[in-house]
Amino acid sequence: MNERKYTLKELRARNNLTQEQTAEKLGVSQTTYNAWEKDISNVGISKVQAVADLFKVKLGEIFFTPQHENKSC
């Protein structure tokens, strides 16, 4: 069975959170979180599970880079 995969931006939007709110909940700066969403830097291993927990998804359901977003359907 193929699980749906979500980008950080999609997960944040589904939870009606701003980047600032999400960053605060994860204990990082908004600049850091923004860099994760834009694939400028990688989510640190110490925060990967925190991201999954915050958005209540399995690790396998998250694309940690925005390049996997559907551009058109």
C-alpha atoms as a PDB file:
ATOM      1  CA  MET A   1       0.000   0.000   0.000  1.00  0.00           C
ATOM      2  CA  ASN A   2       1.354   3.428  -0.939  1.00  0.00           C
ATOM      3  CA  GLU A   3       1.151   5.972   1.842  1.00  0.00           C
ATOM      4  CA  ARG A   4       0.529   9.605   1.017  1.00  0.00           C
ATOM      5  CA  LYS A   5       3.675  11.697   1.438  1.00  0.00           C
ATOM      6  CA  TYR A   6       3.551  15.289   2.652  1.00  0.00           C
ATOM      7  CA  THR A   7       6.041  18.139   2.503  1.00  0.00           C
ATOM      8  CA  LEU A   8       6.688  20.236   5.580  1.00  0.00           C
ATOM      9  CA  LYS A   9       4.769  23.090   3.972  1.00  0.00           C
ATOM     10  CA  GLU A  10       1.740  20.877   3.318  1.00  0.00           C
ATOM     11  CA  LEU A  11       1.753  19.558   6.874  1.00  0.00           C
ATOM     12  CA  ARG A  12       2.057  23.047   8.313  1.00  0.00           C
ATOM     13  CA  ALA A  13      -0.810  24.318   6.138  1.00  0.00           C
ATOM     14  CA  ARG A  14      -3.010  21.326   7.035  1.00  0.00           C
ATOM     15  CA  ASN A  15      -2.545  22.257  10.671  1.00  0.00           C
ATOM     16  CA  ASN A  16      -3.264  25.961  10.091  1.00  0.00           C
ATOM     17  CA  LEU A  17       0.080  27.033  11.499  1.00  0.00           C
ATOM     18  CA  THR A  18       2.384  29.834  10.424  1.00  0.00           C
ATOM     19  CA  GLN A  19       6.088  29.213  10.008  1.00  0.00           C
ATOM     20  CA  GLU A  20       6.639  31.209  13.184  1.00  0.00           C
ATOM     21  CA  GLN A  21       4.172  29.093  15.194  1.00  0.00           C
ATOM     22  CA  THR A  22       5.627  25.860  13.834  1.00  0.00           C
ATOM     23  CA  ALA A  23       9.181  26.948  14.584  1.00  0.00           C
ATOM     24  CA  GLU A  24       8.221  27.872  18.139  1.00  0.00           C
ATOM     25  CA  LYS A  25       6.560  24.487  18.723  1.00  0.00           C
ATOM     26  CA  LEU A  26       9.689  22.742  17.419  1.00  0.00           C
ATOM     27  CA  GLY A  27      12.074  24.911  19.431  1.00  0.00           C
ATOM     28  CA  VAL A  28      13.871  26.414  16.436  1.00  0.00           C
ATOM     29  CA  SER A  29      14.002  29.871  14.899  1.00  0.00           C
ATOM     30  CA  GLN A  30      11.636  30.864  12.109  1.00  0.00           C
ATOM     31  CA  THR A  31      14.700  31.288   9.886  1.00  0.00           C
ATOM     32  CA  THR A  32      15.723  27.688  10.538  1.00  0.00           C
ATOM     33  CA  TYR A  33      12.235  26.338   9.886  1.00  0.00           C
ATOM     34  CA  ASN A  34      11.943  28.395   6.699  1.00  0.00           C
ATOM     35  CA  ALA A  35      15.241  26.924   5.500  1.00  0.00           C
ATOM     36  CA  TRP A  36      13.875  23.409   6.101  1.00  0.00           C
ATOM     37  CA  GLU A  37      10.744  24.127   4.068  1.00  0.00           C
ATOM     38  CA  LYS A  38      12.774  25.581   1.219  1.00  0.00           C
ATOM     39  CA  ASP A  39      15.370  22.784   1.345  1.00  0.00           C
ATOM     40  CA  ILE A  40      18.140  25.261   2.091  1.00  0.00           C
ATOM     41  CA  SER A  41      19.167  23.164   5.083  1.00  0.00           C
ATOM     42  CA  ASN A  42      18.229  19.743   6.384  1.00  0.00           C
ATOM     43  CA  VAL A  43      16.120  18.954   9.405  1.00  0.00           C
ATOM     44  CA  GLY A  44      18.530  17.831  12.097  1.00  0.00           C
ATOM     45  CA  ILE A  45      18.225  14.268  13.285  1.00  0.00           C
ATOM     46  CA  SER A  46      17.288  15.550  16.732  1.00  0.00           C
ATOM     47  CA  LYS A  47      14.196  17.272  15.268  1.00  0.00           C
ATOM     48  CA  VAL A  48      12.943  14.665  12.785  1.00  0.00           C
ATOM     49  CA  GLN A  49      10.765  12.818  15.303  1.00  0.00           C
ATOM     50  CA  ALA A  50       9.561  16.121  16.785  1.00  0.00           C
ATOM     51  CA  VAL A  51       8.276  17.125  13.335  1.00  0.00           C
ATOM     52  CA  ALA A  52       6.386  13.837  12.967  1.00  0.00           C
ATOM     53  CA  ASP A  53       4.970  14.145  16.475  1.00  0.00           C
ATOM     54  CA  LEU A  54       3.880  17.752  15.971  1.00  0.00           C
ATOM     55  CA  PHE A  55       1.981  16.929  12.783  1.00  0.00           C
ATOM     56  CA  LYS A  56       0.789  13.533  14.069  1.00  0.00           C
ATOM     57  CA  VAL A  57       2.159  11.569  11.107  1.00  0.00           C
ATOM     58  CA  LYS A  58       4.604   8.706  10.672  1.00  0.00           C
ATOM     59  CA  LEU A  59       8.140   9.519   9.604  1.00  0.00           C
ATOM     60  CA  GLY A  60       7.494   7.642   6.364  1.00  0.00           C
ATOM     61  CA  GLU A  61       4.711  10.063   5.485  1.00  0.00           C
ATOM     62  CA  ILE A  62       7.012  13.096   5.353  1.00  0.00           C
ATOM     63  CA  PHE A  63       9.094  14.358   2.453  1.00  0.00           C
ATOM     64  CA  PHE A  64      11.699  16.553   4.081  1.00  0.00           C
ATOM     65  CA  THR A  65      12.368  18.405   0.823  1.00  0.00           C
ATOM     66  CA  PRO A  66       9.910  20.496  -1.196  1.00  0.00           C
ATOM     67  CA  GLN A  67      11.061  19.077  -4.533  1.00  0.00           C
ATOM     68  CA  HIS A  68       8.462  16.306  -4.202  1.00  0.00           C
ATOM     69  CA  GLU A  69       5.486  18.675  -4.264  1.00  0.00           C
ATOM     70  CA  ASN A  70       3.041  18.019  -7.057  1.00  0.00           C
ATOM     71  CA  LYS A  71       3.464  20.801  -9.571  1.00  0.00           C
ATOM     72  CA  SER A  72       0.395  19.875 -11.606  1.00  0.00           C
ATOM     73  CA  CYS A  73      -2.314  17.264 -11.644  1.00  0.00           C
END
